[in-house]
Amino acid sequence: MGEHVIKLPDVGEGVAEAELVEWNVKIGDLVREDSVLGAVMTDKATVEIPSPVDGEVLWLGAEIGDTLAVGSPLVRLKVAGEGNVSPDVATSEPEEAKSVKVRKPTGPALEDEERTDKAESAPQAEAAGPPLSAVRSRVVTPALPRPAGEKPLASPAVRLRAKEAGVDLRQVVGTGPADRITHEDIEAFATRGPPVARPAGLAPNMAVEDIKVVGMRRRIAEKMALAKSRIPHITYVEEVDVTALEDLRTALNKEKRTERPKLTLLPFLMRAMVKAIAEQPGINALFDDEAGIIHRHGGVHIGIATQTHSGLVVTVVRHAEARDIWDCAAELTRLSEQARAGTATREELMGSTITITSLGAMGGIVTTPVINHPEVAIVGVNKMMVRPVWDGGRFVPRKMMNLSSSFDHRVVDGWDAAVFIQRIKALLETPALIFVED
């Protein structure tokens, strides 16, 4: 018998490290060749790590959430034959290392641990703390009503004082010997007031659940923190009358050819953005704030924020300027399915130059979208609803929708942001213009 060490492979061109997001095995498990041992994440793509041999799991080299360099030992297996580790190396691993390594805490956690060690090594008399009487003088126990018929213990002087103060002794918790009520208890009760009775069946929930932020959720957190800390956002909100657009969309879907996809609102918005960007190319840009360079792109690569079971991912419809409305719809559908199935490639999740975010029917009235760094603009779609709109002579029902869009104020002035959204508004409210070639 020998040992076989499986190292983190090169999971993508130019990738030097990856985060462990899942273990599919534990120590003692028997695995077969090609069995999935675990999964790692790089950028926003999750990659499964298969076993190249049959064997028994002896050691796991990381915990969920750890970041590993390419080539780091990941799993050690006991295998038939010699394996790929010399006997000297195989036996040099300490026995306790044959389980997942636990890193010693640092920072505040280490200080807490050191304080705990010091407290445990203190003399017993000091650890015991002050006498009970001293504790009682500092701690006030929540007052609870006494059972009916139970007579509170108190001296005549205390009873007289309680009567003069209008205090019901049955509501007072005594801190004296045998729970006898003292003058201090009367003063504390008078200051605190009577207890508030809780409705029957209600009780405080003191549970605390600790959830480690790993994988996709950690990547999202890092991305959002980067965007909000480095980009001064300006958010512009405008309402759009999409009644005519919805009528056109419905008509096109009824008469569509079999090979054409169903149209949603987003392909119309994508084409409207392409036209607006042609007039304001500075919106379709990436800002390298460290180098002080704005990269204006000719190709319009629209990121579509898609909610998946793992979190929010942004798939990219490349060269929207070269796609008609049905091609945009087909590519949008394909990428959304890939993202939700977790099969989107790194290339399909990278390279956007401007992003659309939409919560669909849950989009609310107004949102404040966070820009997808290092882009300079994001267009947010709010929910559509029928509202009464004054047409000059009367109120008429119209299908209205707000666009809530954010811009990098270092690159895009407020006036330019307004001009951009107003152009999109005009195109959506007169949808025939979307199909007119410039």
Protein backbone atom coordinates (compact mmCIF):
# COMPACT_ATOMS: atom_id res chain seq x y z
CA MET A 1 0.00 0.00 0.00
CA GLY A 2 1.13 3.55 -0.70
CA GLU A 3 -0.09 7.12 -0.54
CA HIS A 4 -1.19 9.42 -3.34
CA VAL A 5 -1.28 13.20 -2.84
CA ILE A 6 -3.73 15.17 -4.97
CA LYS A 7 -2.75 18.81 -5.46
CA LEU A 8 -4.91 21.73 -6.53
CA PRO A 9 -4.64 21.71 -10.33
CA ASP A 10 -4.39 24.70 -12.60
CA VAL A 11 -8.10 25.50 -12.93
CA GLY A 12 -7.80 28.23 -15.52
CA GLU A 13 -5.35 30.31 -17.51
CA GLY A 14 -3.63 32.85 -15.32
CA VAL A 15 -5.31 31.68 -12.10
CA ALA A 16 -2.85 31.39 -9.20
CA GLU A 17 -5.25 30.52 -6.38
CA ALA A 18 -8.77 29.32 -5.73
CA GLU A 19 -11.19 29.16 -2.82
CA LEU A 20 -12.39 25.81 -1.49
CA VAL A 21 -16.19 25.94 -1.46
CA GLU A 22 -17.24 22.30 -1.05
CA TRP A 23 -16.05 18.92 0.20
CA ASN A 24 -17.76 15.80 -1.15
CA VAL A 25 -15.68 13.40 0.95
CA LYS A 26 -14.47 13.03 4.52
CA ILE A 27 -11.59 11.20 6.17
CA GLY A 28 -12.10 7.44 5.93
CA ASP A 29 -14.22 7.54 2.76
CA LEU A 30 -13.41 5.18 -0.11
CA VAL A 31 -13.32 6.94 -3.45
CA ARG A 32 -13.15 5.66 -7.00
CA GLU A 33 -11.31 7.13 -9.93
CA ASP A 34 -13.12 10.19 -11.32
CA SER A 35 -15.17 10.59 -8.12
CA VAL A 36 -15.65 14.28 -7.26
CA LEU A 37 -13.64 15.10 -4.13
CA GLY A 38 -14.68 18.73 -3.77
CA ALA A 39 -15.06 22.02 -5.60
CA VAL A 40 -13.12 25.27 -5.77
CA MET A 41 -14.11 28.68 -7.05
CA THR A 42 -12.06 31.08 -9.12
CA ASP A 43 -13.51 34.43 -10.15
CA LYS A 44 -17.17 33.37 -10.47
CA ALA A 45 -16.72 29.89 -11.93
CA THR A 46 -16.93 26.76 -9.76
CA VAL A 47 -14.65 23.87 -10.73
CA GLU A 48 -15.01 20.29 -9.48
CA ILE A 49 -11.86 18.37 -8.49
CA PRO A 50 -12.00 14.65 -9.44
CA SER A 51 -9.87 11.86 -8.01
CA PRO A 52 -7.34 10.44 -10.48
CA VAL A 53 -7.11 7.10 -8.60
CA ASP A 54 -9.03 4.71 -6.34
CA GLY A 55 -8.22 5.00 -2.64
CA GLU A 56 -9.15 5.83 0.94
CA VAL A 57 -9.16 9.41 2.18
CA LEU A 58 -6.46 9.88 4.84
CA TRP A 59 -6.17 13.66 5.02
CA LEU A 60 -7.91 16.81 3.82
CA GLY A 61 -5.71 19.83 3.29
CA ALA A 62 -8.12 22.74 3.81
CA GLU A 63 -11.39 23.92 5.30
CA ILE A 64 -14.36 25.37 3.45
CA GLY A 65 -13.57 29.01 2.72
CA ASP A 66 -9.77 28.59 2.65
CA THR A 67 -7.88 30.04 -0.32
CA LEU A 68 -5.28 27.67 -1.79
CA ALA A 69 -2.47 28.30 -4.25
CA VAL A 70 -2.31 26.18 -7.38
CA GLY A 71 -0.15 23.15 -6.59
CA SER A 72 -1.02 23.05 -2.88
CA PRO A 73 -1.71 19.56 -1.40
CA LEU A 74 -5.48 19.09 -1.30
CA VAL A 75 -6.19 15.42 -0.48
CA ARG A 76 -4.07 12.45 0.60
CA LEU A 77 -5.28 8.96 -0.33
CA LYS A 78 -4.17 5.47 0.68
CA VAL A 79 -3.88 3.54 -2.56
CA ALA A 80 -2.88 0.11 -3.79
CA GLY A 81 0.70 0.07 -5.01
CA GLU A 82 3.39 2.67 -4.39
CA GLY A 83 1.35 5.85 -4.94
CA ASN A 84 3.13 9.11 -5.76
CA VAL A 85 4.68 9.83 -2.33
CA SER A 86 7.87 8.27 -1.00
CA PRO A 87 7.53 6.31 2.29
CA ASP A 88 9.71 8.86 4.14
CA VAL A 89 7.51 11.76 3.11
CA ALA A 90 4.32 9.81 3.75
CA THR A 91 5.28 8.98 7.33
CA SER A 92 6.64 12.44 8.15
CA GLU A 93 3.16 13.94 8.49
CA PRO A 94 2.26 14.28 12.20
CA GLU A 95 -0.58 12.08 13.27
CA GLU A 96 -2.75 15.02 14.23
CA ALA A 97 -2.31 16.52 10.75
CA LYS A 98 -4.28 13.65 9.24
CA SER A 99 -7.42 15.63 9.88
CA VAL A 100 -8.38 19.05 8.65
CA LYS A 101 -5.91 21.59 9.98
CA VAL A 102 -7.38 24.22 12.31
CA ARG A 103 -5.54 27.51 12.11
CA LYS A 104 -4.67 29.26 15.35
CA PRO A 105 -6.82 32.36 15.76
CA THR A 106 -5.22 35.75 15.35
CA GLY A 107 -6.19 39.30 16.25
CA PRO A 108 -9.17 39.69 18.60
CA ALA A 109 -9.82 35.94 18.65
CA LEU A 110 -6.26 35.27 19.86
CA GLU A 111 -6.57 37.95 22.52
CA ASP A 112 -9.80 36.36 23.77
CA GLU A 113 -8.07 32.98 23.91
CA GLU A 114 -5.13 34.40 25.85
CA ARG A 115 -7.43 36.13 28.30
CA THR A 116 -9.27 32.84 28.80
CA ASP A 117 -6.00 31.00 29.50
CA LYS A 118 -4.96 33.65 32.03
CA ALA A 119 -8.33 33.51 33.74
CA GLU A 120 -8.15 29.72 34.06
CA SER A 121 -4.64 29.94 35.61
CA ALA A 122 -5.69 32.58 38.22
CA PRO A 123 -6.01 31.53 41.89
CA GLN A 124 -9.26 29.81 42.76
CA ALA A 125 -10.22 32.50 45.26
CA GLU A 126 -9.87 35.23 42.64
CA ALA A 127 -11.77 33.21 39.99
CA ALA A 128 -14.62 32.72 42.42
CA GLY A 129 -15.28 36.44 42.30
CA PRO A 130 -16.87 38.62 45.01
CA PRO A 131 -19.28 37.27 47.63
CA LEU A 132 -22.87 36.60 46.61
CA SER A 133 -24.09 39.55 48.64
CA ALA A 134 -21.89 41.91 46.62
CA VAL A 135 -23.21 40.46 43.37
CA ARG A 136 -26.79 40.88 44.53
CA SER A 137 -26.14 44.52 45.25
CA ARG A 138 -25.19 45.06 41.60
CA VAL A 139 -27.49 42.72 39.69
CA VAL A 140 -31.21 43.43 39.44
CA THR A 141 -33.27 40.33 38.71
CA PRO A 142 -36.26 40.96 36.44
CA ALA A 143 -39.36 41.26 38.58
CA LEU A 144 -42.03 38.62 38.04
CA PRO A 145 -45.48 38.58 39.71
CA ARG A 146 -45.75 36.29 42.71
CA PRO A 147 -48.23 33.43 42.56
CA ALA A 148 -51.68 34.26 43.94
CA GLY A 149 -51.88 33.72 47.67
CA GLU A 150 -48.12 33.89 48.29
CA LYS A 151 -47.32 36.47 50.95
CA PRO A 152 -44.14 38.50 50.33
CA LEU A 153 -41.57 38.62 53.15
CA ALA A 154 -40.91 42.13 54.41
CA SER A 155 -40.49 44.01 57.68
CA PRO A 156 -43.28 46.30 58.96
CA ALA A 157 -41.18 49.34 58.07
CA VAL A 158 -40.76 48.10 54.49
CA ARG A 159 -44.48 47.35 54.19
CA LEU A 160 -45.31 50.87 55.40
CA ARG A 161 -42.91 52.41 52.90
CA ALA A 162 -44.35 50.31 50.07
CA LYS A 163 -47.88 51.35 51.04
CA GLU A 164 -46.94 55.04 51.06
CA ALA A 165 -45.23 54.65 47.66
CA GLY A 166 -48.18 52.73 46.19
CA VAL A 167 -46.03 49.67 45.47
CA ASP A 168 -47.60 46.19 45.36
CA LEU A 169 -45.14 43.99 47.25
CA ARG A 170 -46.31 40.95 45.30
CA GLN A 171 -44.64 42.47 42.24
CA VAL A 172 -41.29 43.04 43.99
CA VAL A 173 -38.43 40.54 44.01
CA GLY A 174 -36.58 40.48 47.32
CA THR A 175 -32.79 40.38 47.48
CA GLY A 176 -32.50 39.89 51.22
CA PRO A 177 -32.15 36.60 53.13
CA ALA A 178 -34.86 34.11 52.15
CA ASP A 179 -35.92 36.56 49.40
CA ARG A 180 -36.98 39.13 51.99
CA ILE A 181 -37.86 42.51 50.47
CA THR A 182 -35.64 45.39 51.57
CA HIS A 183 -35.86 49.18 51.35
CA GLU A 184 -33.42 49.05 48.42
CA ASP A 185 -35.77 46.66 46.59
CA ILE A 186 -38.62 49.16 47.02
CA GLU A 187 -36.43 51.97 45.62
CA ALA A 188 -35.28 49.85 42.69
CA PHE A 189 -38.85 48.83 41.87
CA ALA A 190 -40.11 52.39 42.08
CA THR A 191 -37.38 53.49 39.67
CA ARG A 192 -37.82 50.57 37.28
CA GLY A 193 -41.61 50.37 37.35
CA PRO A 194 -43.83 47.28 37.22
CA PRO A 195 -43.01 44.50 34.76
CA VAL A 196 -44.75 44.46 31.41
CA ALA A 197 -46.73 41.27 30.99
CA ARG A 198 -45.99 39.41 27.74
CA PRO A 199 -48.80 37.88 25.70
CA ALA A 200 -49.21 34.19 26.35
CA GLY A 201 -47.06 32.00 24.10
CA LEU A 202 -44.49 34.69 23.22
CA ALA A 203 -40.91 34.29 24.41
CA PRO A 204 -37.58 35.84 23.43
CA ASN A 205 -35.46 33.84 20.99
CA MET A 206 -31.83 34.04 22.12
CA ALA A 207 -30.43 31.77 19.40
CA VAL A 208 -27.46 33.01 17.33
CA GLU A 209 -26.41 31.16 14.18
CA ASP A 210 -22.90 31.71 12.85
CA ILE A 211 -22.67 31.38 9.07
CA LYS A 212 -19.26 31.51 7.44
CA VAL A 213 -19.20 33.71 4.36
CA VAL A 214 -17.60 31.60 1.64
CA GLY A 215 -17.75 30.94 -2.07
CA MET A 216 -20.10 33.02 -4.19
CA ARG A 217 -21.43 35.00 -1.23
CA ARG A 218 -17.90 36.09 -0.27
CA ARG A 219 -17.11 37.08 -3.87
CA ILE A 220 -20.31 39.15 -4.01
CA ALA A 221 -19.48 40.80 -0.68
CA GLU A 222 -15.96 41.68 -1.83
CA LYS A 223 -17.22 43.02 -5.16
CA MET A 224 -19.89 45.19 -3.55
CA ALA A 225 -17.50 46.53 -0.91
CA LEU A 226 -14.98 47.42 -3.63
CA ALA A 227 -17.60 49.20 -5.72
CA LYS A 228 -19.08 51.22 -2.86
CA SER A 229 -15.72 52.17 -1.37
CA ARG A 230 -14.11 53.33 -4.62
CA ILE A 231 -16.96 54.62 -6.78
CA PRO A 232 -18.88 57.80 -5.88
CA HIS A 233 -22.36 56.83 -7.05
CA ILE A 234 -24.97 59.17 -8.47
CA THR A 235 -28.42 57.58 -8.94
CA TYR A 236 -30.94 58.97 -11.41
CA VAL A 237 -34.58 57.81 -11.44
CA GLU A 238 -37.04 58.38 -14.27
CA GLU A 239 -40.49 56.95 -14.99
CA VAL A 240 -41.24 55.49 -18.40
CA ASP A 241 -44.60 54.91 -20.07
CA VAL A 242 -44.23 51.41 -21.54
CA THR A 243 -47.84 50.97 -22.67
CA ALA A 244 -46.97 51.08 -26.38
CA LEU A 245 -43.91 48.88 -25.81
CA GLU A 246 -45.98 46.23 -24.05
CA ASP A 247 -48.57 46.27 -26.83
CA LEU A 248 -45.80 45.79 -29.42
CA ARG A 249 -44.10 43.07 -27.40
CA THR A 250 -47.37 41.16 -27.00
CA ALA A 251 -48.11 41.41 -30.73
CA LEU A 252 -44.64 40.23 -31.70
CA ASN A 253 -44.83 37.25 -29.37
CA LYS A 254 -48.20 36.21 -30.84
CA GLU A 255 -46.85 36.32 -34.39
CA LYS A 256 -43.32 35.08 -33.76
CA ARG A 257 -41.78 32.34 -35.81
CA THR A 258 -41.09 28.97 -34.26
CA GLU A 259 -37.34 29.47 -34.24
CA ARG A 260 -37.56 32.88 -32.55
CA PRO A 261 -37.43 33.18 -28.75
CA LYS A 262 -40.12 34.81 -26.61
CA LEU A 263 -39.49 38.51 -26.13
CA THR A 264 -39.33 40.07 -22.67
CA LEU A 265 -38.77 43.73 -21.92
CA LEU A 266 -34.99 43.33 -21.55
CA PRO A 267 -34.11 42.83 -25.25
CA PHE A 268 -35.91 46.10 -26.05
CA LEU A 269 -33.97 47.83 -23.27
CA MET A 270 -30.71 46.37 -24.55
CA ARG A 271 -31.31 47.70 -28.05
CA ALA A 272 -32.36 51.10 -26.65
CA MET A 273 -29.12 51.22 -24.63
CA VAL A 274 -27.07 50.42 -27.75
CA LYS A 275 -28.64 53.40 -29.55
CA ALA A 276 -28.17 55.72 -26.56
CA ILE A 277 -24.54 54.64 -26.16
CA ALA A 278 -23.85 55.43 -29.83
CA GLU A 279 -24.67 59.06 -28.95
CA GLN A 280 -22.79 58.97 -25.61
CA PRO A 281 -19.87 56.54 -25.93
CA GLY A 282 -18.42 57.68 -22.61
CA ILE A 283 -21.13 55.72 -20.79
CA ASN A 284 -19.83 52.44 -22.24
CA ALA A 285 -16.50 52.47 -20.45
CA LEU A 286 -14.30 50.98 -17.75
CA PHE A 287 -12.42 53.28 -15.37
CA ASP A 288 -8.96 52.21 -14.20
CA ASP A 289 -8.80 54.62 -11.27
CA GLU A 290 -5.33 53.47 -10.21
CA ALA A 291 -3.82 54.33 -13.59
CA GLY A 292 -6.17 57.27 -14.17
CA ILE A 293 -7.35 55.90 -17.53
CA ILE A 294 -10.88 55.60 -18.93
CA HIS A 295 -11.19 52.72 -21.39
CA ARG A 296 -14.01 53.53 -23.83
CA HIS A 297 -15.21 50.43 -25.65
CA GLY A 298 -16.65 50.32 -29.13
CA GLY A 299 -18.32 46.96 -28.49
CA VAL A 300 -21.33 47.07 -26.17
CA HIS A 301 -20.99 44.07 -23.85
CA ILE A 302 -24.06 44.15 -21.61
CA GLY A 303 -23.88 42.38 -18.27
CA ILE A 304 -27.16 40.93 -17.05
CA ALA A 305 -27.41 40.49 -13.27
CA THR A 306 -28.98 37.05 -12.74
CA GLN A 307 -30.16 35.62 -9.42
CA THR A 308 -29.11 32.01 -8.84
CA HIS A 309 -29.31 29.65 -5.86
CA SER A 310 -25.68 30.53 -5.08
CA GLY A 311 -26.17 34.29 -5.31
CA LEU A 312 -26.11 37.05 -7.87
CA VAL A 313 -23.96 36.52 -10.97
CA VAL A 314 -23.50 38.73 -14.02
CA THR A 315 -23.58 37.00 -17.39
CA VAL A 316 -22.42 38.96 -20.43
CA VAL A 317 -24.20 39.40 -23.76
CA ARG A 318 -21.27 40.30 -25.99
CA HIS A 319 -21.52 42.75 -28.88
CA ALA A 320 -25.14 43.72 -28.35
CA GLU A 321 -24.57 46.38 -31.01
CA ALA A 322 -24.31 43.59 -33.61
CA ARG A 323 -27.45 41.69 -32.49
CA ASP A 324 -31.09 42.31 -33.43
CA ILE A 325 -33.79 42.13 -30.82
CA TRP A 326 -34.45 38.39 -31.25
CA ASP A 327 -30.76 37.55 -31.15
CA CYS A 328 -30.47 39.55 -27.90
CA ALA A 329 -33.41 37.59 -26.49
CA ALA A 330 -31.97 34.22 -27.49
CA GLU A 331 -28.54 34.96 -26.01
CA LEU A 332 -30.13 36.36 -22.86
CA THR A 333 -32.17 33.18 -22.38
CA ARG A 334 -29.19 30.92 -23.01
CA LEU A 335 -26.94 32.73 -20.54
CA SER A 336 -29.61 32.88 -17.83
CA GLU A 337 -30.12 29.12 -18.07
CA GLN A 338 -26.35 28.55 -17.92
CA ALA A 339 -26.02 30.76 -14.85
CA ARG A 340 -28.85 29.10 -12.94
CA ALA A 341 -27.49 25.65 -13.78
CA GLY A 342 -24.04 26.69 -12.61
CA THR A 343 -22.46 25.83 -15.97
CA ALA A 344 -21.60 29.33 -17.21
CA THR A 345 -17.96 29.61 -18.29
CA ARG A 346 -15.50 32.24 -17.09
CA GLU A 347 -15.69 33.91 -20.50
CA GLU A 348 -19.49 34.19 -20.16
CA LEU A 349 -19.10 35.88 -16.76
CA MET A 350 -16.42 38.42 -17.62
CA GLY A 351 -15.87 41.43 -19.88
CA SER A 352 -19.05 43.48 -19.47
CA THR A 353 -18.87 47.22 -20.20
CA ILE A 354 -22.29 48.22 -18.81
CA THR A 355 -24.81 46.25 -16.75
CA ILE A 356 -28.59 45.84 -16.45
CA THR A 357 -30.10 44.79 -13.13
CA SER A 358 -33.75 43.84 -12.74
CA LEU A 359 -35.78 42.22 -9.98
CA GLY A 360 -38.73 41.62 -12.29
CA ALA A 361 -42.12 41.81 -10.56
CA MET A 362 -40.33 42.36 -7.23
CA GLY A 363 -38.41 45.34 -8.57
CA GLY A 364 -40.05 47.87 -6.27
CA ILE A 365 -40.71 51.49 -7.12
CA VAL A 366 -37.13 52.75 -6.78
CA THR A 367 -33.77 51.05 -6.24
CA THR A 368 -30.20 52.31 -5.89
CA PRO A 369 -28.13 49.87 -8.01
CA VAL A 370 -24.47 49.32 -7.19
CA ILE A 371 -22.16 49.75 -10.18
CA ASN A 372 -20.35 46.64 -11.37
CA HIS A 373 -16.74 47.78 -10.83
CA PRO A 374 -14.86 48.94 -12.93
CA GLU A 375 -17.78 49.95 -15.14
CA VAL A 376 -19.16 53.48 -14.92
CA ALA A 377 -22.91 52.85 -15.30
CA ILE A 378 -25.67 50.40 -14.40
CA VAL A 379 -29.31 50.55 -15.51
CA GLY A 380 -31.87 49.27 -13.01
CA VAL A 381 -35.35 48.14 -14.02
CA ASN A 382 -38.18 48.52 -11.50
CA LYS A 383 -41.50 46.73 -11.60
CA MET A 384 -44.19 47.67 -14.09
CA MET A 385 -47.62 48.73 -12.83
CA VAL A 386 -50.77 50.40 -14.14
CA ARG A 387 -51.02 53.99 -12.89
CA PRO A 388 -53.48 56.82 -13.60
CA VAL A 389 -51.75 59.35 -15.85
CA TRP A 390 -53.11 62.80 -16.71
CA ASP A 391 -53.29 63.24 -20.51
CA GLY A 392 -54.28 66.91 -20.42
CA GLY A 393 -57.99 66.35 -20.11
CA ARG A 394 -58.48 63.29 -17.93
CA PHE A 395 -56.72 60.50 -16.09
CA VAL A 396 -56.11 57.40 -18.19
CA PRO A 397 -54.61 54.04 -17.15
CA ARG A 398 -51.07 53.59 -18.44
CA LYS A 399 -48.42 50.93 -17.88
CA MET A 400 -45.61 52.74 -16.09
CA MET A 401 -42.14 51.60 -15.05
CA ASN A 402 -39.26 53.38 -13.34
CA LEU A 403 -35.62 53.16 -14.39
CA SER A 404 -33.25 53.57 -11.43
CA SER A 405 -29.73 53.93 -12.78
CA SER A 406 -26.38 54.66 -11.11
CA PHE A 407 -23.29 56.31 -12.59
CA ASP A 408 -19.68 56.83 -11.54
CA HIS A 409 -19.70 60.55 -10.77
CA ARG A 410 -15.93 60.77 -11.38
CA VAL A 411 -16.53 59.98 -15.04
CA VAL A 412 -20.20 60.78 -15.74
CA ASP A 413 -21.68 64.18 -14.88
CA GLY A 414 -25.28 64.41 -13.70
CA TRP A 415 -26.32 66.15 -16.93
CA ASP A 416 -24.84 63.37 -19.07
CA ALA A 417 -26.53 60.72 -16.92
CA ALA A 418 -29.90 62.45 -17.38
CA VAL A 419 -29.42 62.80 -21.15
CA PHE A 420 -28.57 59.09 -21.41
CA ILE A 421 -31.66 57.94 -19.48
CA GLN A 422 -33.94 60.42 -21.26
CA ARG A 423 -32.79 58.99 -24.61
CA ILE A 424 -33.58 55.47 -23.43
CA LYS A 425 -36.97 56.69 -22.16
CA ALA A 426 -37.81 58.22 -25.55
CA LEU A 427 -36.92 54.99 -27.36
CA LEU A 428 -38.96 52.79 -25.00
CA GLU A 429 -41.98 55.09 -25.14
CA THR A 430 -41.85 55.10 -28.97
CA PRO A 431 -40.62 51.53 -29.55
CA ALA A 432 -40.78 51.74 -33.36
CA LEU A 433 -37.66 53.94 -33.16
CA ILE A 434 -35.73 50.97 -31.75
CA PHE A 435 -36.07 49.22 -35.11
CA VAL A 436 -35.00 52.23 -37.18
CA GLU A 437 -31.44 51.83 -38.40
CA ASP A 438 -29.33 54.96 -38.09
